[in-house]
Amino acid sequence: TLSLTGILLTDETIFIECLQRLRNLREAKLCGLPVLNDN
């Protein structure tokens, strides 16, 4: 489980690679992240 709620993260590459490498992740709270988009 990981919560990144409210972090004004804009680096899409780091965000994607972070979530991709966490293979055991079952729950992620990602509210309010500017980096969270369709892509």
Full PDB file with SEQRES, HELIX, SHEET, SSBOND, CRYST1, ORIGX, SCALE, CONECT and MASTER records, all heavy atoms in Angstrom:
SEQRES   1 A   39  THR LEU SER LEU THR GLY ILE LEU LEU THR ASP GLU THR          
SEQRES   2 A   39  ILE PHE ILE GLU CYS LEU GLN ARG LEU ARG ASN LEU ARG          
SEQRES   3 A   39  GLU ALA LYS LEU CYS GLY LEU PRO VAL LEU ASN ASP ASN          
HELIX    1 AA1 GLU A   12  ARG A   21  1                                  10    
SHEET    1 AA1 2 LEU A   2  SER A   3  0                                        
SHEET    2 AA1 2 ALA A  28  LYS A  29  1                                        
CRYST1    1.000    1.000    1.000  90.00  90.00  90.00 P 1           1          
ORIGX1      1.000000  0.000000  0.000000        0.00000                         
ORIGX2      0.000000  1.000000  0.000000        0.00000                         
ORIGX3      0.000000  0.000000  1.000000        0.00000                         
SCALE1      1.000000  0.000000  0.000000        0.00000                         
SCALE2      0.000000  1.000000  0.000000        0.00000                         
SCALE3      0.000000  0.000000  1.000000        0.00000                         
ATOM      1  N   THR A   1       0.847  -1.190   0.000  1.00  0.00           N  
ATOM      2  CA  THR A   1       0.000   0.000   0.000  1.00  0.00           C  
ATOM      3  C   THR A   1       0.887   1.245   0.000  1.00  0.00           C  
ATOM      4  O   THR A   1       1.914   1.285   0.666  1.00  0.00           O  
ATOM      5  CB  THR A   1      -0.950   0.056   1.219  1.00  0.00           C  
ATOM      6  OG1 THR A   1      -0.175   0.114   2.408  1.00  0.00           O  
ATOM      7  CG2 THR A   1      -1.879  -1.143   1.257  1.00  0.00           C  
ATOM      8  N   LEU A   2       0.437   2.242  -0.760  1.00  0.00           N  
ATOM      9  CA  LEU A   2       1.196   3.480  -0.882  1.00  0.00           C  
ATOM     10  C   LEU A   2       0.227   4.636  -1.068  1.00  0.00           C  
ATOM     11  O   LEU A   2      -0.708   4.544  -1.872  1.00  0.00           O  
ATOM     12  CB  LEU A   2       2.141   3.406  -2.093  1.00  0.00           C  
ATOM     13  CG  LEU A   2       2.930   4.658  -2.433  1.00  0.00           C  
ATOM     14  CD1 LEU A   2       3.921   5.000  -1.317  1.00  0.00           C  
ATOM     15  CD2 LEU A   2       3.661   4.479  -3.757  1.00  0.00           C  
ATOM     16  N   SER A   3       0.440   5.709  -0.334  1.00  0.00           N  
ATOM     17  CA  SER A   3      -0.359   6.908  -0.507  1.00  0.00           C  
ATOM     18  C   SER A   3       0.552   8.064  -0.883  1.00  0.00           C  
ATOM     19  O   SER A   3       1.512   8.373  -0.178  1.00  0.00           O  
ATOM     20  CB  SER A   3      -1.124   7.249   0.774  1.00  0.00           C  
ATOM     21  OG  SER A   3      -1.882   8.437   0.572  1.00  0.00           O  
ATOM     22  N   LEU A   4       0.239   8.685  -2.014  1.00  0.00           N  
ATOM     23  CA  LEU A   4       0.971   9.859  -2.491  1.00  0.00           C  
ATOM     24  C   LEU A   4       0.032  11.064  -2.594  1.00  0.00           C  
ATOM     25  O   LEU A   4       0.319  12.019  -3.301  1.00  0.00           O  
ATOM     26  CB  LEU A   4       1.596   9.570  -3.863  1.00  0.00           C  
ATOM     27  CG  LEU A   4       2.614   8.448  -3.928  1.00  0.00           C  
ATOM     28  CD1 LEU A   4       3.055   8.208  -5.365  1.00  0.00           C  
ATOM     29  CD2 LEU A   4       3.810   8.746  -3.045  1.00  0.00           C  
ATOM     30  N   THR A   5      -1.070  11.027  -1.885  1.00  0.00           N  
ATOM     31  CA  THR A   5      -2.082  12.069  -1.940  1.00  0.00           C  
ATOM     32  C   THR A   5      -1.489  13.450  -1.672  1.00  0.00           C  
ATOM     33  O   THR A   5      -0.728  13.636  -0.733  1.00  0.00           O  
ATOM     34  CB  THR A   5      -3.199  11.778  -0.904  1.00  0.00           C  
ATOM     35  OG1 THR A   5      -3.794  10.536  -1.237  1.00  0.00           O  
ATOM     36  CG2 THR A   5      -4.244  12.857  -0.873  1.00  0.00           C  
ATOM     37  N   GLY A   6      -1.853  14.391  -2.526  1.00  0.00           N  
ATOM     38  CA  GLY A   6      -1.498  15.781  -2.309  1.00  0.00           C  
ATOM     39  C   GLY A   6      -0.078  16.173  -2.648  1.00  0.00           C  
ATOM     40  O   GLY A   6       0.333  17.295  -2.383  1.00  0.00           O  
ATOM     41  N   ILE A   7       0.694  15.291  -3.249  1.00  0.00           N  
ATOM     42  CA  ILE A   7       2.052  15.643  -3.653  1.00  0.00           C  
ATOM     43  C   ILE A   7       1.966  16.290  -5.034  1.00  0.00           C  
ATOM     44  O   ILE A   7       1.393  15.718  -5.957  1.00  0.00           O  
ATOM     45  CB  ILE A   7       2.960  14.396  -3.693  1.00  0.00           C  
ATOM     46  CG1 ILE A   7       3.109  13.813  -2.300  1.00  0.00           C  
ATOM     47  CG2 ILE A   7       4.326  14.753  -4.258  1.00  0.00           C  
ATOM     48  CD1 ILE A   7       3.889  12.532  -2.241  1.00  0.00           C  
ATOM     49  N   LEU A   8       2.525  17.439  -5.195  1.00  0.00           N  
ATOM     50  CA  LEU A   8       2.437  18.171  -6.462  1.00  0.00           C  
ATOM     51  C   LEU A   8       3.487  17.685  -7.457  1.00  0.00           C  
ATOM     52  O   LEU A   8       4.220  18.459  -8.066  1.00  0.00           O  
ATOM     53  CB  LEU A   8       2.560  19.675  -6.211  1.00  0.00           C  
ATOM     54  CG  LEU A   8       1.471  20.251  -5.312  1.00  0.00           C  
ATOM     55  CD1 LEU A   8       1.710  21.719  -5.059  1.00  0.00           C  
ATOM     56  CD2 LEU A   8       0.094  20.008  -5.914  1.00  0.00           C  
ATOM     57  N   LEU A   9       3.514  16.399  -7.628  1.00  0.00           N  
ATOM     58  CA  LEU A   9       4.479  15.724  -8.491  1.00  0.00           C  
ATOM     59  C   LEU A   9       4.166  16.012  -9.958  1.00  0.00           C  
ATOM     60  O   LEU A   9       3.025  15.870 -10.396  1.00  0.00           O  
ATOM     61  CB  LEU A   9       4.411  14.224  -8.222  1.00  0.00           C  
ATOM     62  CG  LEU A   9       5.347  13.298  -8.949  1.00  0.00           C  
ATOM     63  CD1 LEU A   9       6.791  13.647  -8.625  1.00  0.00           C  
ATOM     64  CD2 LEU A   9       5.064  11.865  -8.557  1.00  0.00           C  
ATOM     65  N   THR A  10       5.188  16.414 -10.712  1.00  0.00           N  
ATOM     66  CA  THR A  10       4.993  16.707 -12.132  1.00  0.00           C  
ATOM     67  C   THR A  10       5.888  15.864 -13.034  1.00  0.00           C  
ATOM     68  O   THR A  10       5.712  15.899 -14.244  1.00  0.00           O  
ATOM     69  CB  THR A  10       5.267  18.196 -12.426  1.00  0.00           C  
ATOM     70  OG1 THR A  10       6.587  18.515 -12.006  1.00  0.00           O  
ATOM     71  CG2 THR A  10       4.257  19.087 -11.720  1.00  0.00           C  
ATOM     72  N   ASP A  11       6.829  15.131 -12.477  1.00  0.00           N  
ATOM     73  CA  ASP A  11       7.737  14.318 -13.287  1.00  0.00           C  
ATOM     74  C   ASP A  11       7.070  12.982 -13.616  1.00  0.00           C  
ATOM     75  O   ASP A  11       7.051  12.048 -12.816  1.00  0.00           O  
ATOM     76  CB  ASP A  11       9.053  14.083 -12.544  1.00  0.00           C  
ATOM     77  CG  ASP A  11      10.111  13.466 -13.426  1.00  0.00           C  
ATOM     78  OD1 ASP A  11       9.782  12.533 -14.194  1.00  0.00           O  
ATOM     79  OD2 ASP A  11      11.260  13.924 -13.355  1.00  0.00           O  
ATOM     80  N   GLU A  12       6.516  12.918 -14.819  1.00  0.00           N  
ATOM     81  CA  GLU A  12       5.756  11.748 -15.230  1.00  0.00           C  
ATOM     82  C   GLU A  12       6.618  10.486 -15.298  1.00  0.00           C  
ATOM     83  O   GLU A  12       6.172   9.401 -14.925  1.00  0.00           O  
ATOM     84  CB  GLU A  12       5.107  12.012 -16.595  1.00  0.00           C  
ATOM     85  CG  GLU A  12       4.101  10.972 -16.997  1.00  0.00           C  
ATOM     86  CD  GLU A  12       3.327  11.378 -18.229  1.00  0.00           C  
ATOM     87  OE1 GLU A  12       2.612  12.392 -18.186  1.00  0.00           O  
ATOM     88  OE2 GLU A  12       3.444  10.650 -19.237  1.00  0.00           O  
ATOM     89  N   THR A  13       7.850  10.615 -15.738  1.00  0.00           N  
ATOM     90  CA  THR A  13       8.739   9.465 -15.855  1.00  0.00           C  
ATOM     91  C   THR A  13       8.993   8.817 -14.495  1.00  0.00           C  
ATOM     92  O   THR A  13       8.874   7.598 -14.349  1.00  0.00           O  
ATOM     93  CB  THR A  13      10.078   9.874 -16.501  1.00  0.00           C  
ATOM     94  OG1 THR A  13       9.811  10.428 -17.784  1.00  0.00           O  
ATOM     95  CG2 THR A  13      11.010   8.682 -16.631  1.00  0.00           C  
ATOM     96  N   ILE A  14       9.328   9.614 -13.516  1.00  0.00           N  
ATOM     97  CA  ILE A  14       9.588   9.075 -12.174  1.00  0.00           C  
ATOM     98  C   ILE A  14       8.327   8.441 -11.602  1.00  0.00           C  
ATOM     99  O   ILE A  14       8.369   7.357 -11.025  1.00  0.00           O  
ATOM    100  CB  ILE A  14      10.148  10.155 -11.237  1.00  0.00           C  
ATOM    101  CG1 ILE A  14      11.568  10.520 -11.665  1.00  0.00           C  
ATOM    102  CG2 ILE A  14      10.126   9.694  -9.777  1.00  0.00           C  
ATOM    103  CD1 ILE A  14      12.201  11.634 -10.874  1.00  0.00           C  
ATOM    104  N   PHE A  15       7.190   9.093 -11.785  1.00  0.00           N  
ATOM    105  CA  PHE A  15       5.920   8.564 -11.280  1.00  0.00           C  
ATOM    106  C   PHE A  15       5.614   7.193 -11.883  1.00  0.00           C  
ATOM    107  O   PHE A  15       5.325   6.232 -11.172  1.00  0.00           O  
ATOM    108  CB  PHE A  15       4.796   9.556 -11.598  1.00  0.00           C  
ATOM    109  CG  PHE A  15       3.429   9.062 -11.262  1.00  0.00           C  
ATOM    110  CD1 PHE A  15       3.009   8.961  -9.950  1.00  0.00           C  
ATOM    111  CD2 PHE A  15       2.540   8.707 -12.266  1.00  0.00           C  
ATOM    112  CE1 PHE A  15       1.737   8.510  -9.636  1.00  0.00           C  
ATOM    113  CE2 PHE A  15       1.275   8.263 -11.968  1.00  0.00           C  
ATOM    114  CZ  PHE A  15       0.869   8.162 -10.647  1.00  0.00           C  
ATOM    115  N   ILE A  16       5.713   7.098 -13.190  1.00  0.00           N  
ATOM    116  CA  ILE A  16       5.411   5.834 -13.877  1.00  0.00           C  
ATOM    117  C   ILE A  16       6.387   4.744 -13.460  1.00  0.00           C  
ATOM    118  O   ILE A  16       5.982   3.632 -13.104  1.00  0.00           O  
ATOM    119  CB  ILE A  16       5.429   6.033 -15.413  1.00  0.00           C  
ATOM    120  CG1 ILE A  16       4.254   6.909 -15.837  1.00  0.00           C  
ATOM    121  CG2 ILE A  16       5.410   4.697 -16.139  1.00  0.00           C  
ATOM    122  CD1 ILE A  16       4.332   7.390 -17.271  1.00  0.00           C  
ATOM    123  N   GLU A  17       7.679   5.053 -13.471  1.00  0.00           N  
ATOM    124  CA  GLU A  17       8.679   4.047 -13.099  1.00  0.00           C  
ATOM    125  C   GLU A  17       8.538   3.613 -11.649  1.00  0.00           C  
ATOM    126  O   GLU A  17       8.737   2.445 -11.325  1.00  0.00           O  
ATOM    127  CB  GLU A  17      10.076   4.581 -13.378  1.00  0.00           C  
ATOM    128  CG  GLU A  17      10.377   4.668 -14.860  1.00  0.00           C  
ATOM    129  CD  GLU A  17      11.730   5.275 -15.176  1.00  0.00           C  
ATOM    130  OE1 GLU A  17      12.496   5.595 -14.230  1.00  0.00           O  
ATOM    131  OE2 GLU A  17      12.036   5.422 -16.370  1.00  0.00           O  
ATOM    132  N   CYS A  18       8.177   4.534 -10.778  1.00  0.00           N  
ATOM    133  CA  CYS A  18       7.969   4.193  -9.369  1.00  0.00           C  
ATOM    134  C   CYS A  18       6.862   3.156  -9.232  1.00  0.00           C  
ATOM    135  O   CYS A  18       7.041   2.127  -8.583  1.00  0.00           O  
ATOM    136  CB  CYS A  18       7.609   5.456  -8.580  1.00  0.00           C  
ATOM    137  SG  CYS A  18       6.963   5.143  -6.931  1.00  0.00           S  
ATOM    138  N   LEU A  19       5.719   3.411  -9.844  1.00  0.00           N  
ATOM    139  CA  LEU A  19       4.598   2.483  -9.717  1.00  0.00           C  
ATOM    140  C   LEU A  19       4.842   1.174 -10.461  1.00  0.00           C  
ATOM    141  O   LEU A  19       4.387   0.116 -10.033  1.00  0.00           O  
ATOM    142  CB  LEU A  19       3.307   3.145 -10.193  1.00  0.00           C  
ATOM    143  CG  LEU A  19       2.818   4.294  -9.315  1.00  0.00           C  
ATOM    144  CD1 LEU A  19       1.526   4.867  -9.869  1.00  0.00           C  
ATOM    145  CD2 LEU A  19       2.619   3.849  -7.872  1.00  0.00           C  
ATOM    146  N   GLN A  20       5.576   1.218 -11.547  1.00  0.00           N  
ATOM    147  CA  GLN A  20       5.852  -0.008 -12.296  1.00  0.00           C  
ATOM    148  C   GLN A  20       6.781  -0.950 -11.539  1.00  0.00           C  
ATOM    149  O   GLN A  20       6.634  -2.158 -11.618  1.00  0.00           O  
ATOM    150  CB  GLN A  20       6.457   0.324 -13.662  1.00  0.00           C  
ATOM    151  CG  GLN A  20       5.455   0.889 -14.630  1.00  0.00           C  
ATOM    152  CD  GLN A  20       6.062   1.260 -15.971  1.00  0.00           C  
ATOM    153  OE1 GLN A  20       7.261   1.473 -16.079  1.00  0.00           O  
ATOM    154  NE2 GLN A  20       5.227   1.347 -16.983  1.00  0.00           N  
ATOM    155  N   ARG A  21       7.725  -0.414 -10.791  1.00  0.00           N  
ATOM    156  CA  ARG A  21       8.686  -1.283 -10.099  1.00  0.00           C  
ATOM    157  C   ARG A  21       8.125  -1.856  -8.804  1.00  0.00           C  
ATOM    158  O   ARG A  21       8.660  -2.809  -8.274  1.00  0.00           O  
ATOM    159  CB  ARG A  21      10.011  -0.568  -9.855  1.00  0.00           C  
ATOM    160  CG  ARG A  21       9.979   0.582  -8.917  1.00  0.00           C  
ATOM    161  CD  ARG A  21      11.358   1.216  -8.733  1.00  0.00           C  
ATOM    162  NE  ARG A  21      12.240   0.428  -7.910  1.00  0.00           N  
ATOM    163  CZ  ARG A  21      12.184   0.384  -6.580  1.00  0.00           C  
ATOM    164  NH1 ARG A  21      11.288   1.087  -5.931  1.00  0.00           N  
ATOM    165  NH2 ARG A  21      13.040  -0.349  -5.908  1.00  0.00           N  
ATOM    166  N   LEU A  22       7.036  -1.302  -8.292  1.00  0.00           N  
ATOM    167  CA  LEU A  22       6.434  -1.807  -7.049  1.00  0.00           C  
ATOM    168  C   LEU A  22       5.468  -2.938  -7.398  1.00  0.00           C  
ATOM    169  O   LEU A  22       4.256  -2.794  -7.381  1.00  0.00           O  
ATOM    170  CB  LEU A  22       5.733  -0.671  -6.297  1.00  0.00           C  
ATOM    171  CG  LEU A  22       6.645   0.461  -5.836  1.00  0.00           C  
ATOM    172  CD1 LEU A  22       5.827   1.576  -5.193  1.00  0.00           C  
ATOM    173  CD2 LEU A  22       7.711  -0.045  -4.884  1.00  0.00           C  
ATOM    174  N   ARG A  23       6.015  -4.078  -7.703  1.00  0.00           N  
ATOM    175  CA  ARG A  23       5.246  -5.226  -8.200  1.00  0.00           C  
ATOM    176  C   ARG A  23       4.256  -5.802  -7.183  1.00  0.00           C  
ATOM    177  O   ARG A  23       3.292  -6.445  -7.566  1.00  0.00           O  
ATOM    178  CB  ARG A  23       6.198  -6.327  -8.645  1.00  0.00           C  
ATOM    179  CG  ARG A  23       7.167  -5.868  -9.697  1.00  0.00           C  
ATOM    180  CD  ARG A  23       6.993  -6.665 -10.931  1.00  0.00           C  
ATOM    181  NE  ARG A  23       7.914  -6.177 -11.949  1.00  0.00           N  
ATOM    182  CZ  ARG A  23       7.539  -6.033 -13.190  1.00  0.00           C  
ATOM    183  NH1 ARG A  23       6.328  -6.324 -13.539  1.00  0.00           N  
ATOM    184  NH2 ARG A  23       8.394  -5.597 -14.084  1.00  0.00           N  
ATOM    185  N   ASN A  24       4.499  -5.591  -5.883  1.00  0.00           N  
ATOM    186  CA  ASN A  24       3.605  -6.119  -4.855  1.00  0.00           C  
ATOM    187  C   ASN A  24       2.492  -5.144  -4.482  1.00  0.00           C  
ATOM    188  O   ASN A  24       1.648  -5.457  -3.653  1.00  0.00           O  
ATOM    189  CB  ASN A  24       4.403  -6.467  -3.592  1.00  0.00           C  
ATOM    190  CG  ASN A  24       5.362  -7.603  -3.845  1.00  0.00           C  
ATOM    191  OD1 ASN A  24       5.017  -8.586  -4.491  1.00  0.00           O  
ATOM    192  ND2 ASN A  24       6.582  -7.476  -3.350  1.00  0.00           N  
ATOM    193  N   LEU A  25       2.490  -3.966  -5.088  1.00  0.00           N  
ATOM    194  CA  LEU A  25       1.528  -2.924  -4.750  1.00  0.00           C  
ATOM    195  C   LEU A  25       0.111  -3.367  -5.089  1.00  0.00           C  
ATOM    196  O   LEU A  25      -0.174  -3.791  -6.210  1.00  0.00           O  
ATOM    197  CB  LEU A  25       1.882  -1.642  -5.514  1.00  0.00           C  
ATOM    198  CG  LEU A  25       1.270  -0.358  -4.993  1.00  0.00           C  
ATOM    199  CD1 LEU A  25       1.713  -0.066  -3.568  1.00  0.00           C  
ATOM    200  CD2 LEU A  25       1.645   0.800  -5.901  1.00  0.00           C  
ATOM    201  N   ARG A  26      -0.757  -3.304  -4.092  1.00  0.00           N  
ATOM    202  CA  ARG A  26      -2.165  -3.691  -4.265  1.00  0.00           C  
ATOM    203  C   ARG A  26      -3.109  -2.504  -4.113  1.00  0.00           C  
ATOM    204  O   ARG A  26      -4.221  -2.535  -4.597  1.00  0.00           O  
ATOM    205  CB  ARG A  26      -2.548  -4.771  -3.242  1.00  0.00           C  
ATOM    206  CG  ARG A  26      -1.750  -6.044  -3.362  1.00  0.00           C  
ATOM    207  CD  ARG A  26      -2.106  -6.794  -4.641  1.00  0.00           C  
ATOM    208  NE  ARG A  26      -1.210  -7.919  -4.852  1.00  0.00           N  
ATOM    209  CZ  ARG A  26      -0.338  -8.001  -5.825  1.00  0.00           C  
ATOM    210  NH1 ARG A  26      -0.227  -7.038  -6.691  1.00  0.00           N  
ATOM    211  NH2 ARG A  26       0.439  -9.047  -5.969  1.00  0.00           N  
ATOM    212  N   GLU A  27      -2.644  -1.467  -3.428  1.00  0.00           N  
ATOM    213  CA  GLU A  27      -3.484  -0.291  -3.198  1.00  0.00           C  
ATOM    214  C   GLU A  27      -2.618   0.959  -3.271  1.00  0.00           C  
ATOM    215  O   GLU A  27      -1.560   1.025  -2.647  1.00  0.00           O  
ATOM    216  CB  GLU A  27      -4.142  -0.366  -1.828  1.00  0.00           C  
ATOM    217  CG  GLU A  27      -5.011   0.813  -1.501  1.00  0.00           C  
ATOM    218  CD  GLU A  27      -5.607   0.728  -0.107  1.00  0.00           C  
ATOM    219  OE1 GLU A  27      -5.594  -0.352   0.509  1.00  0.00           O  
ATOM    220  OE2 GLU A  27      -6.077   1.771   0.369  1.00  0.00           O  
ATOM    221  N   ALA A  28      -3.080   1.938  -4.045  1.00  0.00           N  
ATOM    222  CA  ALA A  28      -2.366   3.207  -4.160  1.00  0.00           C  
ATOM    223  C   ALA A  28      -3.374   4.347  -4.100  1.00  0.00           C  
ATOM    224  O   ALA A  28      -4.349   4.352  -4.849  1.00  0.00           O  
ATOM    225  CB  ALA A  28      -1.582   3.267  -5.458  1.00  0.00           C  
ATOM    226  N   LYS A  29      -3.137   5.286  -3.214  1.00  0.00           N  
ATOM    227  CA  LYS A  29      -3.970   6.484  -3.117  1.00  0.00           C  
ATOM    228  C   LYS A  29      -3.217   7.594  -3.834  1.00  0.00           C  
ATOM    229  O   LYS A  29      -2.122   7.980  -3.424  1.00  0.00           O  
ATOM    230  CB  LYS A  29      -4.229   6.842  -1.662  1.00  0.00           C  
ATOM    231  CG  LYS A  29      -5.063   5.807  -0.949  1.00  0.00           C  
ATOM    232  CD  LYS A  29      -5.306   6.183   0.486  1.00  0.00           C  
ATOM    233  CE  LYS A  29      -6.083   5.069   1.150  1.00  0.00           C  
ATOM    234  NZ  LYS A  29      -6.235   5.317   2.591  1.00  0.00           N  
ATOM    235  N   LEU A  30      -3.816   8.085  -4.908  1.00  0.00           N  
ATOM    236  CA  LEU A  30      -3.126   9.018  -5.793  1.00  0.00           C  
ATOM    237  C   LEU A  30      -3.933  10.299  -6.015  1.00  0.00           C  
ATOM    238  O   LEU A  30      -3.839  10.915  -7.073  1.00  0.00           O  
ATOM    239  CB  LEU A  30      -2.844   8.336  -7.133  1.00  0.00           C  
ATOM    240  CG  LEU A  30      -2.092   7.013  -7.068  1.00  0.00           C  
ATOM    241  CD1 LEU A  30      -2.037   6.339  -8.431  1.00  0.00           C  
ATOM    242  CD2 LEU A  30      -0.697   7.219  -6.496  1.00  0.00           C  
ATOM    243  N   CYS A  31      -4.687  10.709  -5.036  1.00  0.00           N  
ATOM    244  CA  CYS A  31      -5.543  11.897  -5.161  1.00  0.00           C  
ATOM    245  C   CYS A  31      -4.701  13.173  -5.221  1.00  0.00           C  
ATOM    246  O   CYS A  31      -3.750  13.332  -4.471  1.00  0.00           O  
ATOM    247  CB  CYS A  31      -6.496  11.997  -3.984  1.00  0.00           C  
ATOM    248  SG  CYS A  31      -7.540  10.563  -3.768  1.00  0.00           S  
ATOM    249  N   GLY A  32      -5.072  14.065  -6.117  1.00  0.00           N  
ATOM    250  CA  GLY A  32      -4.449  15.373  -6.173  1.00  0.00           C  
ATOM    251  C   GLY A  32      -3.062  15.411  -6.771  1.00  0.00           C  
ATOM    252  O   GLY A  32      -2.298  16.320  -6.483  1.00  0.00           O  
ATOM    253  N   LEU A  33      -2.722  14.459  -7.604  1.00  0.00           N  
ATOM    254  CA  LEU A  33      -1.408  14.450  -8.258  1.00  0.00           C  
ATOM    255  C   LEU A  33      -1.537  15.017  -9.669  1.00  0.00           C  
ATOM    256  O   LEU A  33      -2.226  14.443 -10.504  1.00  0.00           O  
ATOM    257  CB  LEU A  33      -0.860  13.026  -8.365  1.00  0.00           C  
ATOM    258  CG  LEU A  33      -0.171  12.491  -7.125  1.00  0.00           C  
ATOM    259  CD1 LEU A  33      -1.160  11.805  -6.246  1.00  0.00           C  
ATOM    260  CD2 LEU A  33       0.936  11.599  -7.515  1.00  0.00           C  
ATOM    261  N   PRO A  34      -0.864  16.130  -9.954  1.00  0.00           N  
ATOM    262  CA  PRO A  34      -0.923  16.690 -11.308  1.00  0.00           C  
ATOM    263  C   PRO A  34      -0.377  15.735 -12.367  1.00  0.00           C  
ATOM    264  O   PRO A  34      -0.765  15.800 -13.522  1.00  0.00           O  
ATOM    265  CB  PRO A  34      -0.051  17.944 -11.234  1.00  0.00           C  
ATOM    266  CG  PRO A  34       0.212  18.206  -9.815  1.00  0.00           C  
ATOM    267  CD  PRO A  34      -0.062  16.948  -9.059  1.00  0.00           C  
ATOM    268  N   VAL A  35       0.498  14.839 -11.961  1.00  0.00           N  
ATOM    269  CA  VAL A  35       1.123  13.903 -12.896  1.00  0.00           C  
ATOM    270  C   VAL A  35       0.171  12.779 -13.310  1.00  0.00           C  
ATOM    271  O   VAL A  35       0.415  12.100 -14.296  1.00  0.00           O  
ATOM    272  CB  VAL A  35       2.421  13.334 -12.278  1.00  0.00           C  
ATOM    273  CG1 VAL A  35       2.113  12.322 -11.206  1.00  0.00           C  
ATOM    274  CG2 VAL A  35       3.321  12.751 -13.325  1.00  0.00           C  
ATOM    275  N   LEU A  36      -0.904  12.606 -12.595  1.00  0.00           N  
ATOM    276  CA  LEU A  36      -1.858  11.542 -12.918  1.00  0.00           C  
ATOM    277  C   LEU A  36      -2.757  12.023 -14.055  1.00  0.00           C  
ATOM    278  O   LEU A  36      -3.604  12.892 -13.876  1.00  0.00           O  
ATOM    279  CB  LEU A  36      -2.683  11.163 -11.692  1.00  0.00           C  
ATOM    280  CG  LEU A  36      -3.609   9.972 -11.858  1.00  0.00           C  
ATOM    281  CD1 LEU A  36      -2.826   8.720 -12.238  1.00  0.00           C  
ATOM    282  CD2 LEU A  36      -4.380   9.720 -10.573  1.00  0.00           C  
ATOM    283  N   ASN A  37      -2.531  11.467 -15.222  1.00  0.00           N  
ATOM    284  CA  ASN A  37      -3.312  11.832 -16.401  1.00  0.00           C  
ATOM    285  C   ASN A  37      -3.578  10.564 -17.206  1.00  0.00           C  
ATOM    286  O   ASN A  37      -3.189   9.470 -16.799  1.00  0.00           O  
ATOM    287  CB  ASN A  37      -2.577  12.899 -17.229  1.00  0.00           C  
ATOM    288  CG  ASN A  37      -1.187  12.457 -17.635  1.00  0.00           C  
ATOM    289  OD1 ASN A  37      -0.971  11.325 -18.059  1.00  0.00           O  
ATOM    290  ND2 ASN A  37      -0.217  13.356 -17.507  1.00  0.00           N  
ATOM    291  N   ASP A  38      -4.222  10.718 -18.342  1.00  0.00           N  
ATOM    292  CA  ASP A  38      -4.561   9.543 -19.151  1.00  0.00           C  
ATOM    293  C   ASP A  38      -3.317   8.745 -19.541  1.00  0.00           C  
ATOM    294  O   ASP A  38      -3.318   7.520 -19.479  1.00  0.00           O  
ATOM    295  CB  ASP A  38      -5.314   9.958 -20.415  1.00  0.00           C  
ATOM    296  CG  ASP A  38      -6.710  10.468 -20.127  1.00  0.00           C  
ATOM    297  OD1 ASP A  38      -7.219  10.237 -19.010  1.00  0.00           O  
ATOM    298  OD2 ASP A  38      -7.301  11.110 -21.018  1.00  0.00           O  
ATOM    299  N   ASN A  39      -2.266   9.424 -19.937  1.00  0.00           N  
ATOM    300  CA  ASN A  39      -1.052   8.739 -20.373  1.00  0.00           C  
ATOM    301  C   ASN A  39      -0.380   7.993 -19.226  1.00  0.00           C  
ATOM    302  O   ASN A  39      -0.032   6.822 -19.367  1.00  0.00           O  
ATOM    303  CB  ASN A  39      -0.061   9.719 -21.004  1.00  0.00           C  
ATOM    304  CG  ASN A  39       1.212   9.011 -21.438  1.00  0.00           C  
ATOM    305  OD1 ASN A  39       1.166   8.073 -22.223  1.00  0.00           O  
ATOM    306  ND2 ASN A  39       2.334   9.442 -20.891  1.00  0.00           N  
TER     307      ASN A  39                                                      
MASTER        0    0    0    1    2    0    0    6  306    1    0    3          
END                                                                             
